[in-house]
Amino acid sequence: MPVELTIHDGEPWYLSPDVWTIPGNDPDAPPGQPIAGRRARLKALVRNDGNEDVEDALVRFYWANPSLGVTRETANPLGTARVTLEAHGQAEVLCPTSWSVQYLNEGHLCVLAEAFHPQLDQLPEDTNFSVPTDRHVAQRNLIVAKARIEEPTLLGFEVHNPFPSEQEFTVTAEAKDPSILYQLSETSGIDPELLQQGGRVELIGFTGTGCPTPGELEEAKHELERVELGGHEITGFNLAARLEGSVGLVSISQTLDGKQVGGMSLLLVQGQQGT
C-alpha cells in the first residue's frame, strides 16, 4: 500500500505500548500513570509502513472512563495533531492539548489514538473503534491501583454496547502473569523490577454495587454470562479482587458470540488503597 499508517496494538490488543500518558503539562516529562485532579498529556508512536511519504497525516487522541467496548460516541476527544512521515518512517506524536484528569474512578482511564490521512489512507466507515482489526487505531486500557494485602479491592468499570441493536455479552475476569506488562515498561512508568516481585490475585468476582455486603461478595462470580444491553446502552459493574503478595494482574474481557469486543487489565500493587 502506498501509505499505510499504523499504531501498534499490544498483547493483548488493548495494552498498546505505542499510546501513553504523561502526568503533568510538560510534554518532555517521562511517561507515567495519570493523577486525579492534575493535568496530563497523551503521546502516540505512529508508523508509516507504506512505500510512499505522507504529509499532514492526522492523529486523533481520546480518553475514556475504565470501559469495555469503547466507541467514538462514548470516548472523549482530546485533540488532533499532524505528522509528516517518510515511507517506513515513524515518529512520536504529541496531543496538542492537555486535560485535567477527573477524580471519577480515582483518575483511572483508558486512552486511544488513531492515525489516518483523509485522502491517502482513510479510516473505515464503521463508527466503532475496531481496535483488534484496524491498524489505524490502538488502545491502552490498563488500570494501576494500590491494594491493601488480604483486603478486597474494588474496581468500578463500564460495559458499553458499541452496536445500534440489542446484544447479549459475556464478561469474564481472569488472573494473569504480571510479566506480560514488560512490553509497556518504557511507556507506562511501571518499574520492571516490580513485575518480578512475587504475588497473585485472588478473584472474588463481579458485583453490581460499589459497597457490596459480605454476602454479596460470597455470591460474586468470575463470569457474567448474560449482560443484555440495548443499542449503545451502557451499564456498570465492580470487580472485587484480593492481592496476595506484592503485585498481581487481572484481565477483564467482553465477548459477543465468542469474539472479544472489549478488554482491560487491572494491576494491583501492594500499598494503601486510594493513595
C-alpha atoms as a PDB file:
ATOM      1  CA  MET A   1       0.000   0.000   0.000  1.00  0.00           C
ATOM      2  CA  PRO A   2       1.415   3.454  -0.888  1.00  0.00           C
ATOM      3  CA  VAL A   3       0.608   4.995   2.527  1.00  0.00           C
ATOM      4  CA  GLU A   4      -0.066   2.690   5.476  1.00  0.00           C
ATOM      5  CA  LEU A   5      -0.422   4.488   8.800  1.00  0.00           C
ATOM      6  CA  THR A   6      -0.235   2.242  11.842  1.00  0.00           C
ATOM      7  CA  ILE A   7      -0.258   2.430  15.635  1.00  0.00           C
ATOM      8  CA  HIS A   8       0.697  -0.961  17.009  1.00  0.00           C
ATOM      9  CA  ASP A   9      -1.563  -2.972  19.288  1.00  0.00           C
ATOM     10  CA  GLY A  10      -0.255  -4.785  22.333  1.00  0.00           C
ATOM     11  CA  GLU A  11      -0.588  -8.343  23.582  1.00  0.00           C
ATOM     12  CA  PRO A  12      -3.469  -8.497  24.340  1.00  0.00           C
ATOM     13  CA  TRP A  13      -4.565  -5.863  21.849  1.00  0.00           C
ATOM     14  CA  TYR A  14      -5.899  -3.394  24.441  1.00  0.00           C
ATOM     15  CA  LEU A  15      -2.427  -2.966  26.013  1.00  0.00           C
ATOM     16  CA  SER A  16      -0.736  -0.991  23.257  1.00  0.00           C
ATOM     17  CA  PRO A  17       2.859   0.040  24.034  1.00  0.00           C
ATOM     18  CA  ASP A  18       2.523   2.873  21.498  1.00  0.00           C
ATOM     19  CA  VAL A  19      -0.105   5.038  23.235  1.00  0.00           C
ATOM     20  CA  TRP A  20       0.790   6.514  26.608  1.00  0.00           C
ATOM     21  CA  THR A  21       0.110   9.238  29.152  1.00  0.00           C
ATOM     22  CA  ILE A  22       2.459  11.879  30.569  1.00  0.00           C
ATOM     23  CA  PRO A  23       1.496  13.173  34.024  1.00  0.00           C
ATOM     24  CA  GLY A  24       1.569  16.964  34.215  1.00  0.00           C
ATOM     25  CA  ASN A  25       1.679  19.560  31.459  1.00  0.00           C
ATOM     26  CA  ASP A  26       5.332  19.158  30.409  1.00  0.00           C
ATOM     27  CA  PRO A  27       5.462  17.278  27.070  1.00  0.00           C
ATOM     28  CA  ASP A  28       9.081  16.290  27.739  1.00  0.00           C
ATOM     29  CA  ALA A  29       8.344  14.669  31.105  1.00  0.00           C
ATOM     30  CA  PRO A  30       8.636  10.873  31.385  1.00  0.00           C
ATOM     31  CA  PRO A  31       5.600   8.632  30.843  1.00  0.00           C
ATOM     32  CA  GLY A  32       3.572   7.588  33.854  1.00  0.00           C
ATOM     33  CA  GLN A  33       0.134   6.973  35.258  1.00  0.00           C
ATOM     34  CA  PRO A  34      -2.273   9.950  35.238  1.00  0.00           C
ATOM     35  CA  ILE A  35      -3.064  11.554  38.598  1.00  0.00           C
ATOM     36  CA  ALA A  36      -6.627  12.520  39.502  1.00  0.00           C
ATOM     37  CA  GLY A  37      -7.120  16.269  39.772  1.00  0.00           C
ATOM     38  CA  ARG A  38      -3.995  17.122  37.779  1.00  0.00           C
ATOM     39  CA  ARG A  39      -3.335  17.741  34.118  1.00  0.00           C
ATOM     40  CA  ALA A  40      -1.954  15.100  31.761  1.00  0.00           C
ATOM     41  CA  ARG A  41      -0.898  14.742  28.126  1.00  0.00           C
ATOM     42  CA  LEU A  42      -1.030  11.978  25.540  1.00  0.00           C
ATOM     43  CA  LYS A  43       1.522  10.696  23.039  1.00  0.00           C
ATOM     44  CA  ALA A  44       1.463   8.027  20.339  1.00  0.00           C
ATOM     45  CA  LEU A  45       4.120   6.341  18.238  1.00  0.00           C
ATOM     46  CA  VAL A  46       2.877   6.478  14.632  1.00  0.00           C
ATOM     47  CA  ARG A  47       4.406   4.481  11.778  1.00  0.00           C
ATOM     48  CA  ASN A  48       4.094   4.723   8.008  1.00  0.00           C
ATOM     49  CA  ASP A  49       4.537   1.142   6.840  1.00  0.00           C
ATOM     50  CA  GLY A  50       3.760   2.094   3.258  1.00  0.00           C
ATOM     51  CA  ASN A  51       6.085   2.741   0.318  1.00  0.00           C
ATOM     52  CA  GLU A  52       5.284   6.449  -0.135  1.00  0.00           C
ATOM     53  CA  ASP A  53       5.846   9.510   2.049  1.00  0.00           C
ATOM     54  CA  VAL A  54       2.847  11.221   3.620  1.00  0.00           C
ATOM     55  CA  GLU A  55       2.388  14.872   4.610  1.00  0.00           C
ATOM     56  CA  ASP A  56      -0.041  16.182   7.220  1.00  0.00           C
ATOM     57  CA  ALA A  57      -1.445  12.869   8.348  1.00  0.00           C
ATOM     58  CA  LEU A  58      -3.888  13.325  11.225  1.00  0.00           C
ATOM     59  CA  VAL A  59      -3.587  11.762  14.678  1.00  0.00           C
ATOM     60  CA  ARG A  60      -6.631  11.941  16.949  1.00  0.00           C
ATOM     61  CA  PHE A  61      -6.424  11.360  20.691  1.00  0.00           C
ATOM     62  CA  TYR A  62      -9.144  10.213  23.113  1.00  0.00           C
ATOM     63  CA  TRP A  63      -9.660   9.256  26.745  1.00  0.00           C
ATOM     64  CA  ALA A  64     -12.493   7.239  28.267  1.00  0.00           C
ATOM     65  CA  ASN A  65     -13.583   6.013  31.675  1.00  0.00           C
ATOM     66  CA  PRO A  66     -12.482   2.452  32.514  1.00  0.00           C
ATOM     67  CA  SER A  67     -14.699   0.737  29.979  1.00  0.00           C
ATOM     68  CA  LEU A  68     -15.271  -2.325  27.854  1.00  0.00           C
ATOM     69  CA  GLY A  69     -16.430  -1.745  24.268  1.00  0.00           C
ATOM     70  CA  VAL A  70     -15.344   1.910  23.948  1.00  0.00           C
ATOM     71  CA  THR A  71     -16.774   3.768  20.929  1.00  0.00           C
ATOM     72  CA  ARG A  72     -16.227   7.188  19.382  1.00  0.00           C
ATOM     73  CA  GLU A  73     -19.544   8.231  20.912  1.00  0.00           C
ATOM     74  CA  THR A  74     -18.505   7.307  24.463  1.00  0.00           C
ATOM     75  CA  ALA A  75     -14.823   8.322  24.262  1.00  0.00           C
ATOM     76  CA  ASN A  76     -13.814  11.911  24.969  1.00  0.00           C
ATOM     77  CA  PRO A  77     -11.862  13.561  22.111  1.00  0.00           C
ATOM     78  CA  LEU A  78      -8.811  15.498  23.283  1.00  0.00           C
ATOM     79  CA  GLY A  79      -7.302  16.955  20.144  1.00  0.00           C
ATOM     80  CA  THR A  80      -5.829  16.306  16.725  1.00  0.00           C
ATOM     81  CA  ALA A  81      -2.177  16.578  15.699  1.00  0.00           C
ATOM     82  CA  ARG A  82      -0.492  16.477  12.286  1.00  0.00           C
ATOM     83  CA  VAL A  83       2.556  14.443  11.334  1.00  0.00           C
ATOM     84  CA  THR A  84       4.668  14.051   8.166  1.00  0.00           C
ATOM     85  CA  LEU A  85       6.334  10.672   7.706  1.00  0.00           C
ATOM     86  CA  GLU A  86       8.681   9.193   5.164  1.00  0.00           C
ATOM     87  CA  ALA A  87       7.995   5.742   3.782  1.00  0.00           C
ATOM     88  CA  HIS A  88       8.759   3.202   6.537  1.00  0.00           C
ATOM     89  CA  GLY A  89       9.355   6.075   8.967  1.00  0.00           C
ATOM     90  CA  GLN A  90       7.981   6.646  12.433  1.00  0.00           C
ATOM     91  CA  ALA A  91       7.539   9.500  14.905  1.00  0.00           C
ATOM     92  CA  GLU A  92       6.267  10.185  18.401  1.00  0.00           C
ATOM     93  CA  VAL A  93       3.258  12.486  18.117  1.00  0.00           C
ATOM     94  CA  LEU A  94       2.082  14.699  20.981  1.00  0.00           C
ATOM     95  CA  CYS A  95      -1.560  15.612  21.502  1.00  0.00           C
ATOM     96  CA  PRO A  96      -1.646  19.423  21.220  1.00  0.00           C
ATOM     97  CA  THR A  97      -3.827  19.821  24.306  1.00  0.00           C
ATOM     98  CA  SER A  98      -3.584  18.623  27.880  1.00  0.00           C
ATOM     99  CA  TRP A  99      -6.582  17.899  30.078  1.00  0.00           C
ATOM    100  CA  SER A 100      -7.492  17.761  33.749  1.00  0.00           C
ATOM    101  CA  VAL A 101      -7.854  14.151  34.891  1.00  0.00           C
ATOM    102  CA  GLN A 102     -11.169  13.649  36.673  1.00  0.00           C
ATOM    103  CA  TYR A 103     -11.457  12.342  40.217  1.00  0.00           C
ATOM    104  CA  LEU A 104     -14.052   9.880  38.931  1.00  0.00           C
ATOM    105  CA  ASN A 105     -12.638   6.357  39.301  1.00  0.00           C
ATOM    106  CA  GLU A 106      -9.612   7.844  41.118  1.00  0.00           C
ATOM    107  CA  GLY A 107      -8.197   9.080  37.828  1.00  0.00           C
ATOM    108  CA  HIS A 108      -8.238   5.668  36.143  1.00  0.00           C
ATOM    109  CA  LEU A 109      -8.867   5.895  32.415  1.00  0.00           C
ATOM    110  CA  CYS A 110      -8.467   4.287  29.001  1.00  0.00           C
ATOM    111  CA  VAL A 111      -6.600   6.126  26.217  1.00  0.00           C
ATOM    112  CA  LEU A 112      -6.741   5.717  22.445  1.00  0.00           C
ATOM    113  CA  ALA A 113      -5.105   7.217  19.361  1.00  0.00           C
ATOM    114  CA  GLU A 114      -5.842   6.817  15.662  1.00  0.00           C
ATOM    115  CA  ALA A 115      -3.728   7.885  12.657  1.00  0.00           C
ATOM    116  CA  PHE A 116      -5.060   8.416   9.140  1.00  0.00           C
ATOM    117  CA  HIS A 117      -4.980  10.626   6.058  1.00  0.00           C
ATOM    118  CA  PRO A 118      -8.317  11.925   4.703  1.00  0.00           C
ATOM    119  CA  GLN A 119      -7.411  11.106   1.094  1.00  0.00           C
ATOM    120  CA  LEU A 120      -4.441   8.732   1.074  1.00  0.00           C
ATOM    121  CA  ASP A 121      -5.289   6.411   3.982  1.00  0.00           C
ATOM    122  CA  GLN A 122      -8.839   6.746   5.199  1.00  0.00           C
ATOM    123  CA  LEU A 123     -10.436   5.270   8.314  1.00  0.00           C
ATOM    124  CA  PRO A 124     -13.052   2.524   7.973  1.00  0.00           C
ATOM    125  CA  GLU A 125     -16.623   3.794   7.652  1.00  0.00           C
ATOM    126  CA  ASP A 126     -17.648   1.983  10.869  1.00  0.00           C
ATOM    127  CA  THR A 127     -18.187   4.471  13.700  1.00  0.00           C
ATOM    128  CA  ASN A 128     -16.850   1.974  16.265  1.00  0.00           C
ATOM    129  CA  PHE A 129     -13.204   1.597  17.207  1.00  0.00           C
ATOM    130  CA  SER A 130     -12.331  -1.767  15.649  1.00  0.00           C
ATOM    131  CA  VAL A 131      -9.071  -1.880  17.558  1.00  0.00           C
ATOM    132  CA  PRO A 132      -8.064  -5.550  17.027  1.00  0.00           C
ATOM    133  CA  THR A 133      -8.600  -5.397  13.256  1.00  0.00           C
ATOM    134  CA  ASP A 134      -7.915  -1.750  12.344  1.00  0.00           C
ATOM    135  CA  ARG A 135      -4.203  -0.821  12.125  1.00  0.00           C
ATOM    136  CA  HIS A 136      -5.049   2.907  12.335  1.00  0.00           C
ATOM    137  CA  VAL A 137      -6.129   2.797  15.978  1.00  0.00           C
ATOM    138  CA  ALA A 138      -4.611   1.495  19.209  1.00  0.00           C
ATOM    139  CA  GLN A 139      -5.782   1.451  22.804  1.00  0.00           C
ATOM    140  CA  ARG A 140      -4.240   1.233  26.252  1.00  0.00           C
ATOM    141  CA  ASN A 141      -6.737   0.121  28.856  1.00  0.00           C
ATOM    142  CA  LEU A 142      -4.591  -0.532  31.920  1.00  0.00           C
ATOM    143  CA  ILE A 143      -5.542   0.415  35.473  1.00  0.00           C
ATOM    144  CA  VAL A 144      -2.865   0.511  38.176  1.00  0.00           C
ATOM    145  CA  ALA A 145      -4.296   0.518  41.697  1.00  0.00           C
ATOM    146  CA  LYS A 146      -2.849   0.289  45.203  1.00  0.00           C
ATOM    147  CA  ALA A 147      -4.274  -2.526  47.322  1.00  0.00           C
ATOM    148  CA  ARG A 148      -4.141  -3.488  50.974  1.00  0.00           C
ATOM    149  CA  ILE A 149      -2.860  -7.011  51.423  1.00  0.00           C
ATOM    150  CA  GLU A 150      -5.578  -9.599  52.096  1.00  0.00           C
ATOM    151  CA  GLU A 151      -8.358  -6.999  51.804  1.00  0.00           C
ATOM    152  CA  PRO A 152     -10.786  -6.783  48.873  1.00  0.00           C
ATOM    153  CA  THR A 153     -10.116  -4.106  46.263  1.00  0.00           C
ATOM    154  CA  LEU A 154     -12.975  -2.873  44.079  1.00  0.00           C
ATOM    155  CA  LEU A 155     -12.592  -1.601  40.519  1.00  0.00           C
ATOM    156  CA  GLY A 156     -15.600   0.151  39.018  1.00  0.00           C
ATOM    157  CA  PHE A 157     -15.927  -0.016  35.239  1.00  0.00           C
ATOM    158  CA  GLU A 158     -18.460   0.392  32.447  1.00  0.00           C
ATOM    159  CA  VAL A 159     -19.653  -2.081  29.847  1.00  0.00           C
ATOM    160  CA  HIS A 160     -20.669  -0.462  26.555  1.00  0.00           C
ATOM    161  CA  ASN A 161     -22.731  -1.933  23.748  1.00  0.00           C
ATOM    162  CA  PRO A 162     -20.948  -0.461  20.699  1.00  0.00           C
ATOM    163  CA  PHE A 163     -23.702  -1.654  18.339  1.00  0.00           C
ATOM    164  CA  PRO A 164     -27.006   0.026  17.386  1.00  0.00           C
ATOM    165  CA  SER A 165     -29.099  -3.064  18.204  1.00  0.00           C
ATOM    166  CA  GLU A 166     -29.619  -5.007  21.434  1.00  0.00           C
ATOM    167  CA  GLN A 167     -26.856  -7.503  22.210  1.00  0.00           C
ATOM    168  CA  GLU A 168     -26.046 -10.090  24.855  1.00  0.00           C
ATOM    169  CA  PHE A 169     -22.452 -10.062  26.102  1.00  0.00           C
ATOM    170  CA  THR A 170     -20.318 -12.222  28.344  1.00  0.00           C
ATOM    171  CA  VAL A 171     -17.914 -10.506  30.766  1.00  0.00           C
ATOM    172  CA  THR A 172     -15.104 -12.595  32.259  1.00  0.00           C
ATOM    173  CA  ALA A 173     -12.283 -11.937  34.730  1.00  0.00           C
ATOM    174  CA  GLU A 174      -9.070 -13.958  34.801  1.00  0.00           C
ATOM    175  CA  ALA A 175      -5.844 -13.684  36.806  1.00  0.00           C
ATOM    176  CA  LYS A 176      -2.740 -13.205  34.630  1.00  0.00           C
ATOM    177  CA  ASP A 177       1.042 -13.188  34.979  1.00  0.00           C
ATOM    178  CA  PRO A 178       2.186  -9.556  35.508  1.00  0.00           C
ATOM    179  CA  SER A 179       5.211 -10.220  33.277  1.00  0.00           C
ATOM    180  CA  ILE A 180       3.031  -9.609  30.203  1.00  0.00           C
ATOM    181  CA  LEU A 181       3.347  -5.905  31.076  1.00  0.00           C
ATOM    182  CA  TYR A 182       7.075  -5.851  30.270  1.00  0.00           C
ATOM    183  CA  GLN A 183       6.028  -4.625  26.817  1.00  0.00           C
ATOM    184  CA  LEU A 184       4.844  -1.408  28.494  1.00  0.00           C
ATOM    185  CA  SER A 185       7.859  -0.809  30.702  1.00  0.00           C
ATOM    186  CA  GLU A 186       9.207   2.088  28.608  1.00  0.00           C
ATOM    187  CA  THR A 187       5.946   3.998  28.310  1.00  0.00           C
ATOM    188  CA  SER A 188       3.946   3.207  31.452  1.00  0.00           C
ATOM    189  CA  GLY A 189       6.101   4.399  34.321  1.00  0.00           C
ATOM    190  CA  ILE A 190       5.858   0.888  35.812  1.00  0.00           C
ATOM    191  CA  ASP A 191       9.161  -0.307  37.277  1.00  0.00           C
ATOM    192  CA  PRO A 192      10.080  -3.606  35.520  1.00  0.00           C
ATOM    193  CA  GLU A 193      11.525  -4.856  38.806  1.00  0.00           C
ATOM    194  CA  LEU A 194       8.075  -4.523  40.347  1.00  0.00           C
ATOM    195  CA  LEU A 195       6.729  -7.054  37.854  1.00  0.00           C
ATOM    196  CA  GLN A 196       9.302  -9.585  39.054  1.00  0.00           C
ATOM    197  CA  GLN A 197       8.145  -9.475  42.654  1.00  0.00           C
ATOM    198  CA  GLY A 198       6.058 -12.351  43.900  1.00  0.00           C
ATOM    199  CA  GLY A 199       2.310 -12.215  44.240  1.00  0.00           C
ATOM    200  CA  ARG A 200      -1.002 -13.309  42.874  1.00  0.00           C
ATOM    201  CA  VAL A 201      -4.580 -12.101  42.675  1.00  0.00           C
ATOM    202  CA  GLU A 202      -7.452 -13.976  44.236  1.00  0.00           C
ATOM    203  CA  LEU A 203     -10.529 -13.166  42.179  1.00  0.00           C
ATOM    204  CA  ILE A 204     -13.653 -12.637  44.245  1.00  0.00           C
ATOM    205  CA  GLY A 205     -15.947 -11.736  41.361  1.00  0.00           C
ATOM    206  CA  PHE A 206     -18.265  -9.140  39.864  1.00  0.00           C
ATOM    207  CA  THR A 207     -20.714  -7.123  41.918  1.00  0.00           C
ATOM    208  CA  GLY A 208     -23.379  -4.628  40.968  1.00  0.00           C
ATOM    209  CA  THR A 209     -22.601  -2.201  43.776  1.00  0.00           C
ATOM    210  CA  GLY A 210     -19.551  -0.268  44.933  1.00  0.00           C
ATOM    211  CA  CYS A 211     -20.127  -1.236  48.585  1.00  0.00           C
ATOM    212  CA  PRO A 212     -21.003  -4.940  48.483  1.00  0.00           C
ATOM    213  CA  THR A 213     -22.010  -6.760  51.660  1.00  0.00           C
ATOM    214  CA  PRO A 214     -20.100  -9.875  52.771  1.00  0.00           C
ATOM    215  CA  GLY A 215     -23.000 -11.930  51.449  1.00  0.00           C
ATOM    216  CA  GLU A 216     -22.786 -10.277  48.031  1.00  0.00           C
ATOM    217  CA  LEU A 217     -19.041 -10.965  47.881  1.00  0.00           C
ATOM    218  CA  GLU A 218     -19.666 -14.620  48.675  1.00  0.00           C
ATOM    219  CA  GLU A 219     -22.102 -14.847  45.753  1.00  0.00           C
ATOM    220  CA  ALA A 220     -19.935 -12.898  43.294  1.00  0.00           C
ATOM    221  CA  LYS A 221     -18.994 -14.775  40.111  1.00  0.00           C
ATOM    222  CA  HIS A 222     -15.929 -14.610  37.839  1.00  0.00           C
ATOM    223  CA  GLU A 223     -18.151 -14.557  34.740  1.00  0.00           C
ATOM    224  CA  LEU A 224     -21.300 -12.674  33.824  1.00  0.00           C
ATOM    225  CA  GLU A 225     -22.900 -14.910  31.207  1.00  0.00           C
ATOM    226  CA  ARG A 226     -25.785 -12.737  30.032  1.00  0.00           C
ATOM    227  CA  VAL A 227     -25.273  -8.994  30.053  1.00  0.00           C
ATOM    228  CA  GLU A 228     -28.158  -7.717  27.928  1.00  0.00           C
ATOM    229  CA  LEU A 229     -27.760  -4.171  26.639  1.00  0.00           C
ATOM    230  CA  GLY A 230     -29.878  -2.169  24.216  1.00  0.00           C
ATOM    231  CA  GLY A 231     -28.337  -0.358  21.275  1.00  0.00           C
ATOM    232  CA  HIS A 232     -25.433   1.835  22.506  1.00  0.00           C
ATOM    233  CA  GLU A 233     -26.546   1.238  26.101  1.00  0.00           C
ATOM    234  CA  ILE A 234     -24.045   1.449  28.987  1.00  0.00           C
ATOM    235  CA  THR A 235     -24.097  -0.298  32.334  1.00  0.00           C
ATOM    236  CA  GLY A 236     -21.676  -0.522  35.252  1.00  0.00           C
ATOM    237  CA  PHE A 237     -20.125  -3.272  37.370  1.00  0.00           C
ATOM    238  CA  ASN A 238     -17.457  -3.647  40.015  1.00  0.00           C
ATOM    239  CA  LEU A 239     -14.783  -6.299  40.156  1.00  0.00           C
ATOM    240  CA  ALA A 240     -13.671  -7.407  43.608  1.00  0.00           C
ATOM    241  CA  ALA A 241     -10.198  -8.924  43.933  1.00  0.00           C
ATOM    242  CA  ARG A 242      -7.738  -9.609  46.734  1.00  0.00           C
ATOM    243  CA  LEU A 243      -3.967  -9.205  46.382  1.00  0.00           C
ATOM    244  CA  GLU A 244      -1.671 -11.816  47.902  1.00  0.00           C
ATOM    245  CA  GLY A 245       1.956 -10.686  47.825  1.00  0.00           C
ATOM    246  CA  SER A 246       3.445  -7.635  46.129  1.00  0.00           C
ATOM    247  CA  VAL A 247       1.812  -7.471  42.695  1.00  0.00           C
ATOM    248  CA  GLY A 248      -0.901  -9.175  40.651  1.00  0.00           C
ATOM    249  CA  LEU A 249      -2.706  -8.737  37.346  1.00  0.00           C
ATOM    250  CA  VAL A 250      -6.305  -9.294  36.246  1.00  0.00           C
ATOM    251  CA  SER A 251      -7.701  -9.200  32.714  1.00  0.00           C
ATOM    252  CA  ILE A 252     -11.376  -8.441  32.047  1.00  0.00           C
ATOM    253  CA  SER A 253     -12.838  -9.465  28.685  1.00  0.00           C
ATOM    254  CA  GLN A 254     -16.105  -8.607  26.958  1.00  0.00           C
ATOM    255  CA  THR A 255     -17.177 -11.112  24.303  1.00  0.00           C
ATOM    256  CA  LEU A 256     -20.038 -11.390  21.829  1.00  0.00           C
ATOM    257  CA  ASP A 257     -20.703 -14.808  20.268  1.00  0.00           C
ATOM    258  CA  GLY A 258     -17.228 -15.903  21.328  1.00  0.00           C
ATOM    259  CA  LYS A 259     -15.470 -12.882  19.789  1.00  0.00           C
ATOM    260  CA  GLN A 260     -13.723 -10.385  22.058  1.00  0.00           C
ATOM    261  CA  VAL A 261     -15.077  -6.852  21.564  1.00  0.00           C
ATOM    262  CA  GLY A 262     -13.636  -5.175  24.670  1.00  0.00           C
ATOM    263  CA  GLY A 263     -10.949  -5.679  27.258  1.00  0.00           C
ATOM    264  CA  MET A 264      -8.990  -4.070  30.077  1.00  0.00           C
ATOM    265  CA  SER A 265      -6.380  -5.023  32.668  1.00  0.00           C
ATOM    266  CA  LEU A 266      -6.030  -4.233  36.371  1.00  0.00           C
ATOM    267  CA  LEU A 267      -2.600  -4.228  38.010  1.00  0.00           C
ATOM    268  CA  LEU A 268      -2.785  -4.420  41.806  1.00  0.00           C
ATOM    269  CA  VAL A 269       0.270  -3.205  43.695  1.00  0.00           C
ATOM    270  CA  GLN A 270       0.877  -3.527  47.425  1.00  0.00           C
ATOM    271  CA  GLY A 271       0.190  -0.282  49.252  1.00  0.00           C
ATOM    272  CA  GLN A 272      -2.536   1.771  50.845  1.00  0.00           C
ATOM    273  CA  GLN A 273      -5.622   1.688  48.687  1.00  0.00           C
ATOM    274  CA  GLY A 274      -6.504   5.093  47.232  1.00  0.00           C
ATOM    275  CA  THR A 275      -3.028   6.598  47.632  1.00  0.00           C
END
